[in-house]
Amino acid sequence: MNASIMSFTRCAFLLLVGWVAACTGDVERLTPGRKQTGSSKDAVPTLAVVQTKRPPSLDGSLDDPIWSFANTTRAFVETRKGGIAPIQASAKLLWDRRYLYVGVDVHDALLRASHTERDAHLWEQDCVELMIDPDGDGKNYFEIQVSPRGVVFDTRYDTRRVPQPFGHTDWDSHIRVGVSQDGTLDDKEADAGYTVEIAIPWQAFSLGGKPVAPPAIGDEWRANLYVMDLIEDRQQAAAWSSLGIGDFHVPRRFGILAFEGPTH
């Protein structure tokens, strides 16, 4: 398929996802009585995460029928004030007793992911990023990044950006990933984007040295999702929940993952 047609089709689909979310409210909701802006005092999005009876296939595609039961975030927004983002992306999440499953679809016209080593600085190029705070206290949060090449960076923090510079990078999330590219990495030809699937074991999370129990139906965790995109010599980004400032490490602005029972 012609690259420009693929790019247009993917972009139109992601914009439609965001439009449906805004108009129907079926995809996600905001905390009551507040407007969605970039201020820390304003609402953050909530996503209902449905429990799945079987794990999705981690093949870098969201075509597995099990993903059809997952709610989809709105299109990611500009990271500071929550306006239209320079790069289009959306995510689906599922869970079971062993894993949190995350699927992110990214429209990206030029794929850049030359890093090949574990825990390389993936944010310097193209990547999907997740920050998750199990108890929502703004401390002891975890960061996972996956590039279009399938390379992983993972770390954890005792509190906001502590320890410097990049947290406890010896932490191993033991995630499983599946990645596909709609284009070719690191060349000059136009691309359409990429898809990342991540399975995060609950046993990877710990608070105060103690393992975190998997969520129960009705529990809520705090998290945010981001996309980094390298355009020539500059970076652009998008986020699920806007942050109000030029820093991703703002746990009070993380969205809410509301864990629900199965619907299938």
C-alpha atoms as a PDB file:
ATOM      1  CA  MET A   1       0.000   0.000   0.000  1.00  0.00           C
ATOM      2  CA  ASN A   2       1.209   3.496  -0.770  1.00  0.00           C
ATOM      3  CA  ALA A   3       2.864   5.049   2.333  1.00  0.00           C
ATOM      4  CA  SER A   4       0.847   8.266   2.084  1.00  0.00           C
ATOM      5  CA  ILE A   5      -2.423   6.292   1.971  1.00  0.00           C
ATOM      6  CA  MET A   6      -1.381   4.235   5.003  1.00  0.00           C
ATOM      7  CA  SER A   7      -0.444   7.401   6.862  1.00  0.00           C
ATOM      8  CA  PHE A   8      -3.771   9.095   6.065  1.00  0.00           C
ATOM      9  CA  THR A   9      -5.790   6.001   7.028  1.00  0.00           C
ATOM     10  CA  ARG A  10      -4.036   5.588  10.388  1.00  0.00           C
ATOM     11  CA  CYS A  11      -4.333   9.308  11.221  1.00  0.00           C
ATOM     12  CA  ALA A  12      -8.040   9.369  10.306  1.00  0.00           C
ATOM     13  CA  PHE A  13      -8.696   6.334  12.507  1.00  0.00           C
ATOM     14  CA  LEU A  14      -6.939   7.827  15.541  1.00  0.00           C
ATOM     15  CA  LEU A  15      -8.725  11.147  15.130  1.00  0.00           C
ATOM     16  CA  LEU A  16     -12.035   9.250  14.954  1.00  0.00           C
ATOM     17  CA  VAL A  17     -11.193   7.447  18.209  1.00  0.00           C
ATOM     18  CA  GLY A  18     -10.619  10.759  19.942  1.00  0.00           C
ATOM     19  CA  TRP A  19     -13.825  12.248  18.497  1.00  0.00           C
ATOM     20  CA  VAL A  20     -15.932   9.293  19.644  1.00  0.00           C
ATOM     21  CA  ALA A  21     -14.429   9.502  23.136  1.00  0.00           C
ATOM     22  CA  ALA A  22     -15.206  13.183  23.443  1.00  0.00           C
ATOM     23  CA  CYS A  23     -18.736  12.893  22.097  1.00  0.00           C
ATOM     24  CA  THR A  24     -20.009   9.720  23.768  1.00  0.00           C
ATOM     25  CA  GLY A  25     -18.035   9.426  26.996  1.00  0.00           C
ATOM     26  CA  ASP A  26     -17.966   5.628  26.512  1.00  0.00           C
ATOM     27  CA  VAL A  27     -14.196   5.388  26.224  1.00  0.00           C
ATOM     28  CA  GLU A  28     -13.092   7.277  29.302  1.00  0.00           C
ATOM     29  CA  ARG A  29     -14.345   9.894  31.690  1.00  0.00           C
ATOM     30  CA  LEU A  30     -13.059  12.858  33.659  1.00  0.00           C
ATOM     31  CA  THR A  31     -13.416  13.266  37.389  1.00  0.00           C
ATOM     32  CA  PRO A  32     -16.787  14.964  38.040  1.00  0.00           C
ATOM     33  CA  GLY A  33     -17.255  18.707  38.060  1.00  0.00           C
ATOM     34  CA  ARG A  34     -13.942  19.724  36.512  1.00  0.00           C
ATOM     35  CA  LYS A  35     -12.773  20.697  33.072  1.00  0.00           C
ATOM     36  CA  GLN A  36      -9.911  19.085  31.181  1.00  0.00           C
ATOM     37  CA  THR A  37      -7.003  21.549  30.995  1.00  0.00           C
ATOM     38  CA  GLY A  38      -3.315  21.441  31.796  1.00  0.00           C
ATOM     39  CA  SER A  39      -3.570  22.776  35.362  1.00  0.00           C
ATOM     40  CA  SER A  40      -2.718  20.431  38.220  1.00  0.00           C
ATOM     41  CA  LYS A  41      -6.015  21.446  39.825  1.00  0.00           C
ATOM     42  CA  ASP A  42      -8.063  20.260  36.871  1.00  0.00           C
ATOM     43  CA  ALA A  43      -9.408  16.831  36.073  1.00  0.00           C
ATOM     44  CA  VAL A  44      -7.360  13.881  34.959  1.00  0.00           C
ATOM     45  CA  PRO A  45      -8.798  11.185  32.677  1.00  0.00           C
ATOM     46  CA  THR A  46     -10.050   7.865  33.983  1.00  0.00           C
ATOM     47  CA  LEU A  47      -9.953   4.674  31.928  1.00  0.00           C
ATOM     48  CA  ALA A  48     -12.011   1.615  32.836  1.00  0.00           C
ATOM     49  CA  VAL A  49      -9.627  -1.346  32.467  1.00  0.00           C
ATOM     50  CA  VAL A  50     -11.583  -4.527  31.760  1.00  0.00           C
ATOM     51  CA  GLN A  51     -10.466  -7.891  33.114  1.00  0.00           C
ATOM     52  CA  THR A  52      -9.731 -10.379  30.354  1.00  0.00           C
ATOM     53  CA  LYS A  53     -10.353 -14.110  30.437  1.00  0.00           C
ATOM     54  CA  ARG A  54      -7.348 -14.813  28.227  1.00  0.00           C
ATOM     55  CA  PRO A  55      -4.177 -12.880  27.399  1.00  0.00           C
ATOM     56  CA  PRO A  56      -3.861 -11.124  24.047  1.00  0.00           C
ATOM     57  CA  SER A  57      -1.340 -12.387  21.531  1.00  0.00           C
ATOM     58  CA  LEU A  58       1.751 -10.207  21.837  1.00  0.00           C
ATOM     59  CA  ASP A  59       2.479  -9.948  18.134  1.00  0.00           C
ATOM     60  CA  GLY A  60       2.659  -6.173  17.808  1.00  0.00           C
ATOM     61  CA  SER A  61      -0.880  -5.963  16.478  1.00  0.00           C
ATOM     62  CA  LEU A  62      -4.139  -5.030  18.168  1.00  0.00           C
ATOM     63  CA  ASP A  63      -6.083  -7.295  15.799  1.00  0.00           C
ATOM     64  CA  ASP A  64      -6.479 -10.069  18.376  1.00  0.00           C
ATOM     65  CA  PRO A  65     -10.265 -10.204  19.028  1.00  0.00           C
ATOM     66  CA  ILE A  66      -9.639 -10.007  22.792  1.00  0.00           C
ATOM     67  CA  TRP A  67      -8.591  -6.369  22.352  1.00  0.00           C
ATOM     68  CA  SER A  68     -12.118  -5.558  21.150  1.00  0.00           C
ATOM     69  CA  PHE A  69     -13.282  -5.861  24.773  1.00  0.00           C
ATOM     70  CA  ALA A  70     -10.806  -3.202  25.936  1.00  0.00           C
ATOM     71  CA  ASN A  71     -11.744   0.437  26.315  1.00  0.00           C
ATOM     72  CA  THR A  72      -9.667   2.871  24.278  1.00  0.00           C
ATOM     73  CA  THR A  73      -8.222   6.128  25.520  1.00  0.00           C
ATOM     74  CA  ARG A  74      -8.977   9.324  23.710  1.00  0.00           C
ATOM     75  CA  ALA A  75      -6.325  10.429  21.255  1.00  0.00           C
ATOM     76  CA  PHE A  76      -3.272  11.542  23.240  1.00  0.00           C
ATOM     77  CA  VAL A  77      -3.023  15.291  23.805  1.00  0.00           C
ATOM     78  CA  GLU A  78      -0.348  17.968  23.890  1.00  0.00           C
ATOM     79  CA  THR A  79       1.625  17.353  27.070  1.00  0.00           C
ATOM     80  CA  ARG A  80       1.365  20.765  28.756  1.00  0.00           C
ATOM     81  CA  LYS A  81      -2.092  22.222  28.150  1.00  0.00           C
ATOM     82  CA  GLY A  82      -3.975  19.274  26.706  1.00  0.00           C
ATOM     83  CA  GLY A  83      -4.576  20.656  23.225  1.00  0.00           C
ATOM     84  CA  ILE A  84      -4.174  18.844  19.931  1.00  0.00           C
ATOM     85  CA  ALA A  85      -0.970  16.811  20.022  1.00  0.00           C
ATOM     86  CA  PRO A  86       1.709  17.011  17.327  1.00  0.00           C
ATOM     87  CA  ILE A  87       1.715  13.216  17.125  1.00  0.00           C
ATOM     88  CA  GLN A  88      -1.391  11.018  17.154  1.00  0.00           C
ATOM     89  CA  ALA A  89      -1.637   7.973  19.419  1.00  0.00           C
ATOM     90  CA  SER A  90      -4.149   6.057  21.528  1.00  0.00           C
ATOM     91  CA  ALA A  91      -4.013   3.077  23.882  1.00  0.00           C
ATOM     92  CA  LYS A  92      -6.006   0.069  25.059  1.00  0.00           C
ATOM     93  CA  LEU A  93      -5.537  -1.696  28.417  1.00  0.00           C
ATOM     94  CA  LEU A  94      -6.629  -5.069  29.799  1.00  0.00           C
ATOM     95  CA  TRP A  95      -5.720  -7.010  32.927  1.00  0.00           C
ATOM     96  CA  ASP A  96      -5.845 -10.438  34.519  1.00  0.00           C
ATOM     97  CA  ARG A  97      -4.448 -11.918  37.720  1.00  0.00           C
ATOM     98  CA  ARG A  98      -0.926 -12.098  36.306  1.00  0.00           C
ATOM     99  CA  TYR A  99      -0.427  -9.145  33.971  1.00  0.00           C
ATOM    100  CA  LEU A 100      -1.399  -5.635  32.967  1.00  0.00           C
ATOM    101  CA  TYR A 101      -1.683  -5.526  29.180  1.00  0.00           C
ATOM    102  CA  VAL A 102      -1.023  -2.282  27.325  1.00  0.00           C
ATOM    103  CA  GLY A 103      -1.461  -1.732  23.597  1.00  0.00           C
ATOM    104  CA  VAL A 104      -0.458   1.579  22.003  1.00  0.00           C
ATOM    105  CA  ASP A 105      -1.008   2.556  18.376  1.00  0.00           C
ATOM    106  CA  VAL A 106       1.140   5.442  17.128  1.00  0.00           C
ATOM    107  CA  HIS A 107       0.930   7.429  13.902  1.00  0.00           C
ATOM    108  CA  ASP A 108       4.499   8.412  13.053  1.00  0.00           C
ATOM    109  CA  ALA A 109       5.597   9.609   9.629  1.00  0.00           C
ATOM    110  CA  LEU A 110       9.307   8.919  10.204  1.00  0.00           C
ATOM    111  CA  LEU A 111      10.423   6.070  12.467  1.00  0.00           C
ATOM    112  CA  ARG A 112      13.607   6.729  14.432  1.00  0.00           C
ATOM    113  CA  ALA A 113      14.872   4.012  16.788  1.00  0.00           C
ATOM    114  CA  SER A 114      18.579   3.294  16.400  1.00  0.00           C
ATOM    115  CA  HIS A 115      19.201   2.261  20.027  1.00  0.00           C
ATOM    116  CA  THR A 116      19.690  -1.484  20.416  1.00  0.00           C
ATOM    117  CA  GLU A 117      20.853  -1.936  24.028  1.00  0.00           C
ATOM    118  CA  ARG A 118      18.650  -2.499  27.060  1.00  0.00           C
ATOM    119  CA  ASP A 119      18.090   0.667  29.133  1.00  0.00           C
ATOM    120  CA  ALA A 120      19.416   2.939  26.387  1.00  0.00           C
ATOM    121  CA  HIS A 121      18.018   6.486  26.374  1.00  0.00           C
ATOM    122  CA  LEU A 122      15.006   5.623  24.249  1.00  0.00           C
ATOM    123  CA  TRP A 123      13.310   8.970  24.942  1.00  0.00           C
ATOM    124  CA  GLU A 124      15.897  10.629  22.692  1.00  0.00           C
ATOM    125  CA  GLN A 125      14.167   9.118  19.660  1.00  0.00           C
ATOM    126  CA  ASP A 126      10.784   7.425  19.119  1.00  0.00           C
ATOM    127  CA  CYS A 127       9.210   5.412  21.924  1.00  0.00           C
ATOM    128  CA  VAL A 128       6.103   4.630  23.931  1.00  0.00           C
ATOM    129  CA  GLU A 129       6.366   5.399  27.645  1.00  0.00           C
ATOM    130  CA  LEU A 130       4.320   4.331  30.677  1.00  0.00           C
ATOM    131  CA  MET A 131       4.591   5.668  34.224  1.00  0.00           C
ATOM    132  CA  ILE A 132       2.566   3.878  36.888  1.00  0.00           C
ATOM    133  CA  ASP A 133       1.997   4.625  40.584  1.00  0.00           C
ATOM    134  CA  PRO A 134       0.225   1.648  42.203  1.00  0.00           C
ATOM    135  CA  ASP A 135      -0.953   3.345  45.403  1.00  0.00           C
ATOM    136  CA  GLY A 136      -1.333   6.825  43.933  1.00  0.00           C
ATOM    137  CA  ASP A 137       0.706   8.589  46.617  1.00  0.00           C
ATOM    138  CA  GLY A 138       3.054  10.298  44.156  1.00  0.00           C
ATOM    139  CA  LYS A 139       5.971   8.179  45.336  1.00  0.00           C
ATOM    140  CA  ASN A 140       7.419   4.793  44.411  1.00  0.00           C
ATOM    141  CA  TYR A 141       6.371   4.980  40.783  1.00  0.00           C
ATOM    142  CA  PHE A 142       7.661   2.962  37.863  1.00  0.00           C
ATOM    143  CA  GLU A 143       8.655   3.877  34.316  1.00  0.00           C
ATOM    144  CA  ILE A 144       8.708   1.631  31.256  1.00  0.00           C
ATOM    145  CA  GLN A 145       9.640   2.619  27.709  1.00  0.00           C
ATOM    146  CA  VAL A 146       9.527   0.542  24.525  1.00  0.00           C
ATOM    147  CA  SER A 147      10.905   1.669  21.170  1.00  0.00           C
ATOM    148  CA  PRO A 148       9.586   0.737  17.708  1.00  0.00           C
ATOM    149  CA  ARG A 149      12.567  -1.629  17.567  1.00  0.00           C
ATOM    150  CA  GLY A 150      11.311  -3.450  20.681  1.00  0.00           C
ATOM    151  CA  VAL A 151      14.128  -2.226  22.940  1.00  0.00           C
ATOM    152  CA  VAL A 152      13.150  -1.704  26.602  1.00  0.00           C
ATOM    153  CA  PHE A 153      14.100   0.914  29.183  1.00  0.00           C
ATOM    154  CA  ASP A 154      12.718   0.414  32.693  1.00  0.00           C
ATOM    155  CA  THR A 155      13.361   2.075  36.028  1.00  0.00           C
ATOM    156  CA  ARG A 156      11.668   2.959  39.303  1.00  0.00           C
ATOM    157  CA  TYR A 157      11.701   6.027  41.538  1.00  0.00           C
ATOM    158  CA  ASP A 158      11.460   6.476  45.323  1.00  0.00           C
ATOM    159  CA  THR A 159       9.729   9.819  44.791  1.00  0.00           C
ATOM    160  CA  ARG A 160       9.573  12.371  41.998  1.00  0.00           C
ATOM    161  CA  ARG A 161      12.818  12.026  39.973  1.00  0.00           C
ATOM    162  CA  VAL A 162      14.643  10.500  42.973  1.00  0.00           C
ATOM    163  CA  PRO A 163      17.271   9.130  42.697  1.00  0.00           C
ATOM    164  CA  GLN A 164      18.809  11.277  39.993  1.00  0.00           C
ATOM    165  CA  PRO A 165      19.376  11.116  37.146  1.00  0.00           C
ATOM    166  CA  PHE A 166      17.229   8.193  35.949  1.00  0.00           C
ATOM    167  CA  GLY A 167      15.984   6.362  39.034  1.00  0.00           C
ATOM    168  CA  HIS A 168      16.850   2.775  39.938  1.00  0.00           C
ATOM    169  CA  THR A 169      17.770   1.525  36.479  1.00  0.00           C
ATOM    170  CA  ASP A 170      18.774  -1.840  37.935  1.00  0.00           C
ATOM    171  CA  TRP A 171      15.056  -2.571  38.358  1.00  0.00           C
ATOM    172  CA  ASP A 172      13.868  -5.213  35.901  1.00  0.00           C
ATOM    173  CA  SER A 173      10.188  -5.125  34.997  1.00  0.00           C
ATOM    174  CA  HIS A 174      10.321  -8.572  33.339  1.00  0.00           C
ATOM    175  CA  ILE A 175       7.890  -7.313  30.727  1.00  0.00           C
ATOM    176  CA  ARG A 176       7.026  -9.106  27.517  1.00  0.00           C
ATOM    177  CA  VAL A 177       6.642  -6.995  24.393  1.00  0.00           C
ATOM    178  CA  GLY A 178       5.393  -7.273  20.844  1.00  0.00           C
ATOM    179  CA  VAL A 179       6.129  -4.552  18.289  1.00  0.00           C
ATOM    180  CA  SER A 180       5.263  -4.004  14.642  1.00  0.00           C
ATOM    181  CA  GLN A 181       6.269  -1.183  12.304  1.00  0.00           C
ATOM    182  CA  ASP A 182       4.201   0.207   9.451  1.00  0.00           C
ATOM    183  CA  GLY A 183       7.291   1.399   7.635  1.00  0.00           C
ATOM    184  CA  THR A 184      11.062   0.990   7.843  1.00  0.00           C
ATOM    185  CA  LEU A 185      13.206   2.062  10.773  1.00  0.00           C
ATOM    186  CA  ASP A 186      15.875   4.728  10.394  1.00  0.00           C
ATOM    187  CA  ASP A 187      15.642   5.428   6.684  1.00  0.00           C
ATOM    188  CA  LYS A 188      14.471   8.511   4.786  1.00  0.00           C
ATOM    189  CA  GLU A 189      11.296   7.009   3.341  1.00  0.00           C
ATOM    190  CA  ALA A 190       7.897   8.036   4.704  1.00  0.00           C
ATOM    191  CA  ASP A 191       6.377   5.723   7.320  1.00  0.00           C
ATOM    192  CA  ALA A 192       2.890   5.312   8.773  1.00  0.00           C
ATOM    193  CA  GLY A 193       3.603   4.380  12.388  1.00  0.00           C
ATOM    194  CA  TYR A 194       4.026   1.499  14.793  1.00  0.00           C
ATOM    195  CA  THR A 195       2.201  -0.527  17.431  1.00  0.00           C
ATOM    196  CA  VAL A 196       3.517  -1.663  20.806  1.00  0.00           C
ATOM    197  CA  GLU A 197       2.029  -4.347  23.057  1.00  0.00           C
ATOM    198  CA  ILE A 198       3.323  -4.786  26.612  1.00  0.00           C
ATOM    199  CA  ALA A 199       2.525  -7.414  29.248  1.00  0.00           C
ATOM    200  CA  ILE A 200       3.647  -6.209  32.691  1.00  0.00           C
ATOM    201  CA  PRO A 201       3.657  -8.813  35.489  1.00  0.00           C
ATOM    202  CA  TRP A 202       2.133  -7.563  38.726  1.00  0.00           C
ATOM    203  CA  GLN A 203       4.983  -9.204  40.631  1.00  0.00           C
ATOM    204  CA  ALA A 204       7.370  -6.644  39.105  1.00  0.00           C
ATOM    205  CA  PHE A 205       5.895  -3.922  41.322  1.00  0.00           C
ATOM    206  CA  SER A 206       6.950  -3.456  44.930  1.00  0.00           C
ATOM    207  CA  LEU A 207       6.414  -0.776  47.580  1.00  0.00           C
ATOM    208  CA  GLY A 208       8.775  -0.453  50.512  1.00  0.00           C
ATOM    209  CA  GLY A 209      10.479  -3.668  49.475  1.00  0.00           C
ATOM    210  CA  LYS A 210       7.219  -5.623  49.579  1.00  0.00           C
ATOM    211  CA  PRO A 211       5.490  -7.018  46.470  1.00  0.00           C
ATOM    212  CA  VAL A 212       2.340  -5.217  45.409  1.00  0.00           C
ATOM    213  CA  ALA A 213      -0.768  -7.368  45.301  1.00  0.00           C
ATOM    214  CA  PRO A 214      -2.540  -7.472  41.934  1.00  0.00           C
ATOM    215  CA  PRO A 215      -5.494  -5.100  41.800  1.00  0.00           C
ATOM    216  CA  ALA A 216      -8.956  -6.279  42.717  1.00  0.00           C
ATOM    217  CA  ILE A 217     -12.115  -5.306  40.883  1.00  0.00           C
ATOM    218  CA  GLY A 218     -12.924  -1.766  41.976  1.00  0.00           C
ATOM    219  CA  ASP A 219      -9.321  -0.764  42.703  1.00  0.00           C
ATOM    220  CA  GLU A 220      -7.761   2.319  41.122  1.00  0.00           C
ATOM    221  CA  TRP A 221      -4.118   2.905  40.209  1.00  0.00           C
ATOM    222  CA  ARG A 222      -2.528   6.074  38.821  1.00  0.00           C
ATOM    223  CA  ALA A 223      -0.687   6.026  35.498  1.00  0.00           C
ATOM    224  CA  ASN A 224       0.195   8.077  32.461  1.00  0.00           C
ATOM    225  CA  LEU A 225       1.092   7.152  28.912  1.00  0.00           C
ATOM    226  CA  TYR A 226       3.315   9.111  26.551  1.00  0.00           C
ATOM    227  CA  VAL A 227       4.712   8.985  23.048  1.00  0.00           C
ATOM    228  CA  MET A 228       8.073  10.497  22.134  1.00  0.00           C
ATOM    229  CA  ASP A 229       8.822  11.384  18.517  1.00  0.00           C
ATOM    230  CA  LEU A 230      12.105  12.576  17.014  1.00  0.00           C
ATOM    231  CA  ILE A 231      11.615  14.987  14.105  1.00  0.00           C
ATOM    232  CA  GLU A 232      14.945  15.860  12.483  1.00  0.00           C
ATOM    233  CA  ASP A 233      16.865  17.355  15.433  1.00  0.00           C
ATOM    234  CA  ARG A 234      13.981  18.089  17.816  1.00  0.00           C
ATOM    235  CA  GLN A 235      11.633  16.088  20.003  1.00  0.00           C
ATOM    236  CA  GLN A 236       7.863  16.271  20.168  1.00  0.00           C
ATOM    237  CA  ALA A 237       5.556  14.384  22.488  1.00  0.00           C
ATOM    238  CA  ALA A 238       1.973  13.502  23.367  1.00  0.00           C
ATOM    239  CA  ALA A 239       0.378  12.239  26.581  1.00  0.00           C
ATOM    240  CA  TRP A 240      -2.816  10.590  27.777  1.00  0.00           C
ATOM    241  CA  SER A 241      -3.107  13.063  30.668  1.00  0.00           C
ATOM    242  CA  SER A 242      -1.749  16.583  30.208  1.00  0.00           C
ATOM    243  CA  LEU A 243       0.809  17.708  32.776  1.00  0.00           C
ATOM    244  CA  GLY A 244       0.657  21.494  33.011  1.00  0.00           C
ATOM    245  CA  ILE A 245       4.452  21.801  32.839  1.00  0.00           C
ATOM    246  CA  GLY A 246       7.285  20.601  30.625  1.00  0.00           C
ATOM    247  CA  ASP A 247       8.037  17.500  32.691  1.00  0.00           C
ATOM    248  CA  PHE A 248       6.592  13.989  32.459  1.00  0.00           C
ATOM    249  CA  HIS A 249       7.353  13.262  36.125  1.00  0.00           C
ATOM    250  CA  VAL A 250       4.207  14.800  37.613  1.00  0.00           C
ATOM    251  CA  PRO A 251       2.459  11.964  39.491  1.00  0.00           C
ATOM    252  CA  ARG A 252      -0.415  14.196  40.634  1.00  0.00           C
ATOM    253  CA  ARG A 253      -1.331  14.562  36.948  1.00  0.00           C
ATOM    254  CA  PHE A 254      -1.303  10.836  36.213  1.00  0.00           C
ATOM    255  CA  GLY A 255      -4.621   9.502  34.963  1.00  0.00           C
ATOM    256  CA  ILE A 256      -6.688   6.888  36.791  1.00  0.00           C
ATOM    257  CA  LEU A 257      -6.868   3.207  35.846  1.00  0.00           C
ATOM    258  CA  ALA A 258     -10.146   1.833  37.228  1.00  0.00           C
ATOM    259  CA  PHE A 259     -10.034  -1.968  37.260  1.00  0.00           C
ATOM    260  CA  GLU A 260     -13.302  -3.636  36.296  1.00  0.00           C
ATOM    261  CA  GLY A 261     -14.511  -7.198  35.916  1.00  0.00           C
ATOM    262  CA  PRO A 262     -14.823  -9.086  32.628  1.00  0.00           C
ATOM    263  CA  THR A 263     -17.417  -8.145  30.038  1.00  0.00           C
ATOM    264  CA  HIS A 264     -16.955 -11.238  27.882  1.00  0.00           C
END
